């Protein structure tokens, strides 16, 4: 996804998710500056069904997650990872 489309989807998902991470529910920082993008609560695009498992870049498969959750999800399913991050187990 090119930069312009990525920015648009991050903004759209930020608005739809009320500025919260899809996994932990914490507020995220929507920024386009490179040094802010490295912060743990920077908004990132997340593929719910991982591309490594056959997921696509279609907008229905995208959500906004904080960098911390996006980096730590690993191979877990998105629904079980959400439950784990929100201490629902």
PDB file of N, CA and C in Angstrom:
ATOM      1  N   UNK A   1       0.854  -1.175   0.000  1.00  0.00           N
ATOM      2  CA  UNK A   1       0.000   0.000   0.000  1.00  0.00           C
ATOM      3  C   UNK A   1       0.896   1.233   0.000  1.00  0.00           C
ATOM      4  N   UNK A   2       0.610   2.155  -0.893  1.00  0.00           N
ATOM      5  CA  UNK A   2       1.448   3.344  -0.971  1.00  0.00           C
ATOM      6  C   UNK A   2       1.187   4.278   0.211  1.00  0.00           C
ATOM      7  N   UNK A   3       2.031   5.251   0.381  1.00  0.00           N
ATOM      8  CA  UNK A   3       1.982   6.139   1.534  1.00  0.00           C
ATOM      9  C   UNK A   3       0.672   6.895   1.634  1.00  0.00           C
ATOM     10  N   UNK A   4       0.186   7.400   0.523  1.00  0.00           N
ATOM     11  CA  UNK A   4      -1.053   8.174   0.539  1.00  0.00           C
ATOM     12  C   UNK A   4      -2.242   7.318   0.987  1.00  0.00           C
ATOM     13  N   UNK A   5      -2.361   6.114   0.462  1.00  0.00           N
ATOM     14  CA  UNK A   5      -3.454   5.220   0.849  1.00  0.00           C
ATOM     15  C   UNK A   5      -3.308   4.786   2.301  1.00  0.00           C
ATOM     16  N   UNK A   6      -2.080   4.521   2.728  1.00  0.00           N
ATOM     17  CA  UNK A   6      -1.846   4.138   4.120  1.00  0.00           C
ATOM     18  C   UNK A   6      -2.241   5.236   5.087  1.00  0.00           C
ATOM     19  N   UNK A   7      -1.927   6.461   4.751  1.00  0.00           N
ATOM     20  CA  UNK A   7      -2.314   7.594   5.600  1.00  0.00           C
ATOM     21  C   UNK A   7      -3.827   7.741   5.660  1.00  0.00           C
ATOM     22  N   UNK A   8      -4.471   7.573   4.520  1.00  0.00           N
ATOM     23  CA  UNK A   8      -5.919   7.686   4.486  1.00  0.00           C
ATOM     24  C   UNK A   8      -6.571   6.613   5.357  1.00  0.00           C
ATOM     25  N   UNK A   9      -6.133   5.360   5.230  1.00  0.00           N
ATOM     26  CA  UNK A   9      -6.727   4.287   6.014  1.00  0.00           C
ATOM     27  C   UNK A   9      -6.437   4.437   7.500  1.00  0.00           C
ATOM     28  N   UNK A  10      -5.247   4.912   7.857  1.00  0.00           N
ATOM     29  CA  UNK A  10      -4.971   5.161   9.280  1.00  0.00           C
ATOM     30  C   UNK A  10      -5.893   6.231   9.834  1.00  0.00           C
ATOM     31  N   UNK A  11      -6.099   7.298   9.065  1.00  0.00           N
ATOM     32  CA  UNK A  11      -6.999   8.355   9.513  1.00  0.00           C
ATOM     33  C   UNK A  11      -8.429   7.833   9.619  1.00  0.00           C
ATOM     34  N   UNK A  12      -8.894   7.075   8.618  1.00  0.00           N
ATOM     35  CA  UNK A  12     -10.245   6.536   8.615  1.00  0.00           C
ATOM     36  C   UNK A  12     -10.458   5.578   9.787  1.00  0.00           C
ATOM     37  N   UNK A  13      -9.503   4.681  10.019  1.00  0.00           N
ATOM     38  CA  UNK A  13      -9.622   3.743  11.129  1.00  0.00           C
ATOM     39  C   UNK A  13      -9.504   4.439  12.478  1.00  0.00           C
ATOM     40  N   UNK A  14      -8.675   5.468  12.546  1.00  0.00           N
ATOM     41  CA  UNK A  14      -8.577   6.263  13.778  1.00  0.00           C
ATOM     42  C   UNK A  14      -9.943   6.837  14.132  1.00  0.00           C
ATOM     43  N   UNK A  15     -10.631   7.355  13.145  1.00  0.00           N
ATOM     44  CA  UNK A  15     -11.953   7.928  13.363  1.00  0.00           C
ATOM     45  C   UNK A  15     -12.964   6.843  13.714  1.00  0.00           C
ATOM     46  N   UNK A  16     -12.952   5.718  12.992  1.00  0.00           N
ATOM     47  CA  UNK A  16     -13.913   4.643  13.228  1.00  0.00           C
ATOM     48  C   UNK A  16     -13.712   3.974  14.589  1.00  0.00           C
ATOM     49  N   UNK A  17     -12.466   3.827  15.012  1.00  0.00           N
ATOM     50  CA  UNK A  17     -12.158   3.159  16.278  1.00  0.00           C
ATOM     51  C   UNK A  17     -12.042   4.146  17.436  1.00  0.00           C
ATOM     52  N   UNK A  18     -12.427   5.378  17.221  1.00  0.00           N
ATOM     53  CA  UNK A  18     -12.422   6.430  18.241  1.00  0.00           C
ATOM     54  C   UNK A  18     -11.034   6.620  18.853  1.00  0.00           C
ATOM     55  N   UNK A  19     -10.009   6.463  18.027  1.00  0.00           N
ATOM     56  CA  UNK A  19      -8.639   6.705  18.467  1.00  0.00           C
ATOM     57  C   UNK A  19      -8.069   5.648  19.383  1.00  0.00           C
ATOM     58  N   UNK A  20      -8.620   4.450  19.348  1.00  0.00           N
ATOM     59  CA  UNK A  20      -8.167   3.377  20.244  1.00  0.00           C
ATOM     60  C   UNK A  20      -7.606   2.189  19.462  1.00  0.00           C
ATOM     61  N   UNK A  21      -6.676   1.500  20.091  1.00  0.00           N
ATOM     62  CA  UNK A  21      -6.076   0.298  19.519  1.00  0.00           C
ATOM     63  C   UNK A  21      -7.127  -0.813  19.456  1.00  0.00           C
ATOM     64  N   UNK A  22      -7.115  -1.587  18.387  1.00  0.00           N
ATOM     65  CA  UNK A  22      -8.096  -2.660  18.239  1.00  0.00           C
ATOM     66  C   UNK A  22      -7.829  -3.819  19.198  1.00  0.00           C
ATOM     67  N   UNK A  23      -6.642  -3.910  19.766  1.00  0.00           N
ATOM     68  CA  UNK A  23      -6.314  -5.002  20.674  1.00  0.00           C
ATOM     69  C   UNK A  23      -6.424  -4.618  22.149  1.00  0.00           C
ATOM     70  N   UNK A  24      -5.700  -3.603  22.563  1.00  0.00           N
ATOM     71  CA  UNK A  24      -5.656  -3.268  23.986  1.00  0.00           C
ATOM     72  C   UNK A  24      -6.664  -2.199  24.388  1.00  0.00           C
ATOM     73  N   UNK A  25      -7.191  -1.453  23.421  1.00  0.00           N
ATOM     74  CA  UNK A  25      -8.181  -0.429  23.717  1.00  0.00           C
ATOM     75  C   UNK A  25      -7.598   0.886  24.207  1.00  0.00           C
ATOM     76  N   UNK A  26      -6.273   1.010  24.225  1.00  0.00           N
ATOM     77  CA  UNK A  26      -5.628   2.254  24.659  1.00  0.00           C
ATOM     78  C   UNK A  26      -5.669   3.279  23.534  1.00  0.00           C
ATOM     79  N   UNK A  27      -5.613   4.555  23.904  1.00  0.00           N
ATOM     80  CA  UNK A  27      -5.556   5.613  22.899  1.00  0.00           C
ATOM     81  C   UNK A  27      -4.235   5.540  22.151  1.00  0.00           C
ATOM     82  N   UNK A  28      -4.290   5.798  20.860  1.00  0.00           N
ATOM     83  CA  UNK A  28      -3.090   5.754  20.023  1.00  0.00           C
ATOM     84  C   UNK A  28      -2.754   7.157  19.535  1.00  0.00           C
ATOM     85  N   UNK A  29      -1.530   7.304  19.099  1.00  0.00           N
ATOM     86  CA  UNK A  29      -1.017   8.566  18.582  1.00  0.00           C
ATOM     87  C   UNK A  29      -0.994   8.490  17.060  1.00  0.00           C
ATOM     88  N   UNK A  30      -1.816   9.318  16.419  1.00  0.00           N
ATOM     89  CA  UNK A  30      -1.852   9.348  14.962  1.00  0.00           C
ATOM     90  C   UNK A  30      -0.862  10.403  14.497  1.00  0.00           C
ATOM     91  N   UNK A  31       0.228   9.961  13.891  1.00  0.00           N
ATOM     92  CA  UNK A  31       1.276  10.873  13.457  1.00  0.00           C
ATOM     93  C   UNK A  31       1.890  10.374  12.165  1.00  0.00           C
ATOM     94  N   UNK A  32       2.490  11.283  11.437  1.00  0.00           N
ATOM     95  CA  UNK A  32       3.174  10.911  10.203  1.00  0.00           C
ATOM     96  C   UNK A  32       4.662  11.258  10.271  1.00  0.00           C
ATOM     97  N   UNK A  33       5.115  11.709  11.422  1.00  0.00           N
ATOM     98  CA  UNK A  33       6.539  12.010  11.585  1.00  0.00           C
ATOM     99  C   UNK A  33       7.292  10.732  11.945  1.00  0.00           C
ATOM    100  N   UNK A  34       8.405  10.459  11.284  1.00  0.00           N
ATOM    101  CA  UNK A  34       9.121   9.200  11.499  1.00  0.00           C
ATOM    102  C   UNK A  34       9.559   8.963  12.944  1.00  0.00           C
ATOM    103  N   UNK A  35      10.001   9.995  13.646  1.00  0.00           N
ATOM    104  CA  UNK A  35      10.472   9.763  15.011  1.00  0.00           C
ATOM    105  C   UNK A  35       9.316   9.508  15.968  1.00  0.00           C
ATOM    106  N   UNK A  36       8.113   9.964  15.666  1.00  0.00           N
ATOM    107  CA  UNK A  36       6.947   9.648  16.501  1.00  0.00           C
ATOM    108  C   UNK A  36       6.401   8.258  16.197  1.00  0.00           C
ATOM    109  N   UNK A  37       6.639   7.765  14.990  1.00  0.00           N
ATOM    110  CA  UNK A  37       6.134   6.449  14.595  1.00  0.00           C
ATOM    111  C   UNK A  37       6.816   5.321  15.364  1.00  0.00           C
ATOM    112  N   UNK A  38       7.936   5.580  16.011  1.00  0.00           N
ATOM    113  CA  UNK A  38       8.636   4.563  16.785  1.00  0.00           C
ATOM    114  C   UNK A  38       8.119   4.457  18.220  1.00  0.00           C
ATOM    115  N   UNK A  39       7.234   5.337  18.616  1.00  0.00           N
ATOM    116  CA  UNK A  39       6.691   5.298  19.974  1.00  0.00           C
ATOM    117  C   UNK A  39       5.762   4.099  20.149  1.00  0.00           C
ATOM    118  N   UNK A  40       5.645   3.573  21.383  1.00  0.00           N
ATOM    119  CA  UNK A  40       4.819   2.379  21.604  1.00  0.00           C
ATOM    120  C   UNK A  40       3.340   2.574  21.277  1.00  0.00           C
ATOM    121  N   UNK A  41       2.830   3.785  21.392  1.00  0.00           N
ATOM    122  CA  UNK A  41       1.408   4.002  21.129  1.00  0.00           C
ATOM    123  C   UNK A  41       1.153   4.729  19.814  1.00  0.00           C
ATOM    124  N   UNK A  42       2.073   4.615  18.870  1.00  0.00           N
ATOM    125  CA  UNK A  42       1.870   5.169  17.532  1.00  0.00           C
ATOM    126  C   UNK A  42       0.889   4.278  16.772  1.00  0.00           C
ATOM    127  N   UNK A  43       0.023   4.885  15.986  1.00  0.00           N
ATOM    128  CA  UNK A  43      -0.971   4.132  15.216  1.00  0.00           C
ATOM    129  C   UNK A  43      -0.306   3.415  14.048  1.00  0.00           C
ATOM    130  N   UNK A  44      -0.629   2.146  13.883  1.00  0.00           N
ATOM    131  CA  UNK A  44      -0.133   1.361  12.761  1.00  0.00           C
ATOM    132  C   UNK A  44      -1.300   0.621  12.123  1.00  0.00           C
ATOM    133  N   UNK A  45      -1.163   0.275  10.863  1.00  0.00           N
ATOM    134  CA  UNK A  45      -2.165  -0.553  10.201  1.00  0.00           C
ATOM    135  C   UNK A  45      -1.867  -2.004  10.521  1.00  0.00           C
ATOM    136  N   UNK A  46      -2.884  -2.747  10.884  1.00  0.00           N
ATOM    137  CA  UNK A  46      -2.732  -4.154  11.262  1.00  0.00           C
ATOM    138  C   UNK A  46      -3.607  -5.016  10.362  1.00  0.00           C
ATOM    139  N   UNK A  47      -3.051  -6.089   9.846  1.00  0.00           N
ATOM    140  CA  UNK A  47      -3.826  -7.070   9.089  1.00  0.00           C
ATOM    141  C   UNK A  47      -4.409  -8.055  10.102  1.00  0.00           C
ATOM    142  N   UNK A  48      -5.721  -8.112  10.212  1.00  0.00           N
ATOM    143  CA  UNK A  48      -6.344  -9.004  11.184  1.00  0.00           C
ATOM    144  C   UNK A  48      -6.039 -10.461  10.858  1.00  0.00           C
ATOM    145  N   UNK A  49      -6.265 -10.853   9.617  1.00  0.00           N
ATOM    146  CA  UNK A  49      -5.857 -12.175   9.157  1.00  0.00           C
ATOM    147  C   UNK A  49      -4.480 -11.972   8.524  1.00  0.00           C
ATOM    148  N   UNK A  50      -3.454 -12.487   9.167  1.00  0.00           N
ATOM    149  CA  UNK A  50      -2.075 -12.208   8.760  1.00  0.00           C
ATOM    150  C   UNK A  50      -1.816 -12.536   7.298  1.00  0.00           C
ATOM    151  N   UNK A  51      -1.006 -11.710   6.671  1.00  0.00           N
ATOM    152  CA  UNK A  51      -0.656 -11.939   5.265  1.00  0.00           C
ATOM    153  C   UNK A  51       0.123 -13.236   5.107  1.00  0.00           C
ATOM    154  N   UNK A  52       0.890 -13.607   6.117  1.00  0.00           N
ATOM    155  CA  UNK A  52       1.641 -14.861   6.065  1.00  0.00           C
ATOM    156  C   UNK A  52       0.704 -16.069   6.061  1.00  0.00           C
ATOM    157  N   UNK A  53      -0.510 -15.893   6.562  1.00  0.00           N
ATOM    158  CA  UNK A  53      -1.495 -16.974   6.594  1.00  0.00           C
ATOM    159  C   UNK A  53      -2.518 -16.856   5.475  1.00  0.00           C
ATOM    160  N   UNK A  54      -2.252 -16.012   4.490  1.00  0.00           N
ATOM    161  CA  UNK A  54      -3.137 -15.887   3.346  1.00  0.00           C
ATOM    162  C   UNK A  54      -4.064 -14.685   3.384  1.00  0.00           C
ATOM    163  N   UNK A  55      -3.893 -13.802   4.361  1.00  0.00           N
ATOM    164  CA  UNK A  55      -4.712 -12.600   4.440  1.00  0.00           C
ATOM    165  C   UNK A  55      -4.349 -11.612   3.341  1.00  0.00           C
ATOM    166  N   UNK A  56      -5.264 -10.699   3.055  1.00  0.00           N
ATOM    167  CA  UNK A  56      -5.038  -9.737   1.984  1.00  0.00           C
ATOM    168  C   UNK A  56      -4.899  -8.332   2.567  1.00  0.00           C
ATOM    169  N   UNK A  57      -4.588  -7.395   1.697  1.00  0.00           N
ATOM    170  CA  UNK A  57      -4.512  -5.995   2.084  1.00  0.00           C
ATOM    171  C   UNK A  57      -5.831  -5.270   1.892  1.00  0.00           C
ATOM    172  N   UNK A  58      -6.906  -6.004   1.711  1.00  0.00           N
ATOM    173  CA  UNK A  58      -8.231  -5.415   1.512  1.00  0.00           C
ATOM    174  C   UNK A  58      -8.635  -4.626   2.755  1.00  0.00           C
ATOM    175  N   UNK A  59      -9.308  -3.498   2.595  1.00  0.00           N
ATOM    176  CA  UNK A  59      -9.704  -2.683   3.746  1.00  0.00           C
ATOM    177  C   UNK A  59     -10.517  -3.424   4.803  1.00  0.00           C
ATOM    178  N   UNK A  60     -11.258  -4.452   4.433  1.00  0.00           N
ATOM    179  CA  UNK A  60     -12.028  -5.204   5.425  1.00  0.00           C
ATOM    180  C   UNK A  60     -11.136  -6.051   6.329  1.00  0.00           C
ATOM    181  N   UNK A  61      -9.879  -6.220   5.944  1.00  0.00           N
ATOM    182  CA  UNK A  61      -8.933  -7.002   6.737  1.00  0.00           C
ATOM    183  C   UNK A  61      -7.991  -6.104   7.549  1.00  0.00           C
ATOM    184  N   UNK A  62      -8.190  -4.802   7.506  1.00  0.00           N
ATOM    185  CA  UNK A  62      -7.300  -3.868   8.189  1.00  0.00           C
ATOM    186  C   UNK A  62      -7.947  -3.301   9.442  1.00  0.00           C
ATOM    187  N   UNK A  63      -7.142  -3.073  10.441  1.00  0.00           N
ATOM    188  CA  UNK A  63      -7.558  -2.398  11.669  1.00  0.00           C
ATOM    189  C   UNK A  63      -6.387  -1.539  12.126  1.00  0.00           C
ATOM    190  N   UNK A  64      -6.647  -0.644  13.060  1.00  0.00           N
ATOM    191  CA  UNK A  64      -5.587   0.207  13.590  1.00  0.00           C
ATOM    192  C   UNK A  64      -5.172  -0.334  14.956  1.00  0.00           C
ATOM    193  N   UNK A  65      -3.881  -0.525  15.118  1.00  0.00           N
ATOM    194  CA  UNK A  65      -3.344  -1.029  16.376  1.00  0.00           C
ATOM    195  C   UNK A  65      -2.171  -0.153  16.806  1.00  0.00           C
ATOM    196  N   UNK A  66      -1.900  -0.136  18.093  1.00  0.00           N
ATOM    197  CA  UNK A  66      -0.715   0.587  18.555  1.00  0.00           C
ATOM    198  C   UNK A  66       0.516  -0.225  18.153  1.00  0.00           C
ATOM    199  N   UNK A  67       1.629   0.442  18.039  1.00  0.00           N
ATOM    200  CA  UNK A  67       2.875  -0.217  17.613  1.00  0.00           C
ATOM    201  C   UNK A  67       3.250  -1.349  18.557  1.00  0.00           C
ATOM    202  N   UNK A  68       3.014  -1.147  19.840  1.00  0.00           N
ATOM    203  CA  UNK A  68       3.353  -2.169  20.835  1.00  0.00           C
ATOM    204  C   UNK A  68       2.586  -3.472  20.570  1.00  0.00           C
ATOM    205  N   UNK A  69       1.280  -3.379  20.352  1.00  0.00           N
ATOM    206  CA  UNK A  69       0.484  -4.578  20.081  1.00  0.00           C
ATOM    207  C   UNK A  69       0.841  -5.185  18.735  1.00  0.00           C
ATOM    208  N   UNK A  70       1.059  -4.345  17.741  1.00  0.00           N
ATOM    209  CA  UNK A  70       1.396  -4.823  16.414  1.00  0.00           C
ATOM    210  C   UNK A  70       2.717  -5.597  16.438  1.00  0.00           C
ATOM    211  N   UNK A  71       3.670  -5.127  17.214  1.00  0.00           N
ATOM    212  CA  UNK A  71       4.974  -5.789  17.285  1.00  0.00           C
ATOM    213  C   UNK A  71       4.948  -7.067  18.110  1.00  0.00           C
ATOM    214  N   UNK A  72       4.044  -7.180  19.084  1.00  0.00           N
ATOM    215  CA  UNK A  72       4.060  -8.334  19.981  1.00  0.00           C
ATOM    216  C   UNK A  72       3.048  -9.412  19.626  1.00  0.00           C
ATOM    217  N   UNK A  73       2.209  -9.183  18.659  1.00  0.00           N
ATOM    218  CA  UNK A  73       1.177 -10.170  18.314  1.00  0.00           C
ATOM    219  C   UNK A  73       1.772 -11.488  17.839  1.00  0.00           C
ATOM    220  N   UNK A  74       2.761 -11.418  17.000  1.00  0.00           N
ATOM    221  CA  UNK A  74       3.407 -12.632  16.500  1.00  0.00           C
ATOM    222  C   UNK A  74       2.471 -13.473  15.648  1.00  0.00           C
ATOM    223  N   UNK A  75       2.416 -14.779  15.917  1.00  0.00           N
ATOM    224  CA  UNK A  75       1.614 -15.699  15.117  1.00  0.00           C
ATOM    225  C   UNK A  75       0.236 -15.952  15.709  1.00  0.00           C
ATOM    226  N   UNK A  76      -0.119 -15.265  16.773  1.00  0.00           N
ATOM    227  CA  UNK A  76      -1.415 -15.500  17.415  1.00  0.00           C
ATOM    228  C   UNK A  76      -2.569 -15.023  16.540  1.00  0.00           C
ATOM    229  N   UNK A  77      -3.710 -15.678  16.684  1.00  0.00           N
ATOM    230  CA  UNK A  77      -4.936 -15.250  16.035  1.00  0.00           C
ATOM    231  C   UNK A  77      -5.360 -13.914  16.629  1.00  0.00           C
ATOM    232  N   UNK A  78      -5.938 -13.022  15.815  1.00  0.00           N
ATOM    233  CA  UNK A  78      -6.254 -11.670  16.283  1.00  0.00           C
ATOM    234  C   UNK A  78      -7.277 -11.679  17.405  1.00  0.00           C
ATOM    235  N   UNK A  79      -8.249 -12.598  17.377  1.00  0.00           N
ATOM    236  CA  UNK A  79      -9.273 -12.612  18.411  1.00  0.00           C
ATOM    237  C   UNK A  79      -8.726 -13.104  19.746  1.00  0.00           C
ATOM    238  N   UNK A  80      -7.913 -14.140  19.737  1.00  0.00           N
ATOM    239  CA  UNK A  80      -7.321 -14.631  20.986  1.00  0.00           C
ATOM    240  C   UNK A  80      -6.296 -13.630  21.527  1.00  0.00           C
ATOM    241  N   UNK A  81      -5.577 -12.947  20.634  1.00  0.00           N
ATOM    242  CA  UNK A  81      -4.628 -11.925  21.085  1.00  0.00           C
ATOM    243  C   UNK A  81      -5.364 -10.757  21.735  1.00  0.00           C
ATOM    244  N   UNK A  82      -6.508 -10.365  21.177  1.00  0.00           N
ATOM    245  CA  UNK A  82      -7.310  -9.295  21.777  1.00  0.00           C
ATOM    246  C   UNK A  82      -7.760  -9.677  23.171  1.00  0.00           C
ATOM    247  N   UNK A  83      -8.246 -10.894  23.350  1.00  0.00           N
ATOM    248  CA  UNK A  83      -8.676 -11.359  24.672  1.00  0.00           C
ATOM    249  C   UNK A  83      -7.512 -11.375  25.659  1.00  0.00           C
ATOM    250  N   UNK A  84      -6.349 -11.807  25.188  1.00  0.00           N
ATOM    251  CA  UNK A  84      -5.170 -11.849  26.060  1.00  0.00           C
ATOM    252  C   UNK A  84      -4.728 -10.438  26.477  1.00  0.00           C
ATOM    253  N   UNK A  85      -4.716  -9.488  25.527  1.00  0.00           N
ATOM    254  CA  UNK A  85      -4.293  -8.119  25.830  1.00  0.00           C
ATOM    255  C   UNK A  85      -5.250  -7.426  26.794  1.00  0.00           C
ATOM    256  N   UNK A  86      -6.519  -7.775  26.731  1.00  0.00           N
ATOM    257  CA  UNK A  86      -7.511  -7.137  27.603  1.00  0.00           C
ATOM    258  C   UNK A  86      -7.770  -7.918  28.868  1.00  0.00           C
ATOM    259  N   UNK A  87      -6.926  -8.913  29.166  1.00  0.00           N
ATOM    260  CA  UNK A  87      -7.028  -9.753  30.375  1.00  0.00           C
ATOM    261  C   UNK A  87      -8.402 -10.379  30.539  1.00  0.00           C
ATOM    262  N   UNK A  88      -8.931 -10.942  29.459  1.00  0.00           N
ATOM    263  CA  UNK A  88     -10.233 -11.600  29.502  1.00  0.00           C
ATOM    264  C   UNK A  88     -10.129 -13.094  29.766  1.00  0.00           C
ATOM    265  N   UNK A  89      -8.920 -13.627  29.835  1.00  0.00           N
ATOM    266  CA  UNK A  89      -8.771 -15.063  30.106  1.00  0.00           C
ATOM    267  C   UNK A  89      -8.938 -15.347  31.563  1.00  0.00           C
TER     268      UNK A  89
END
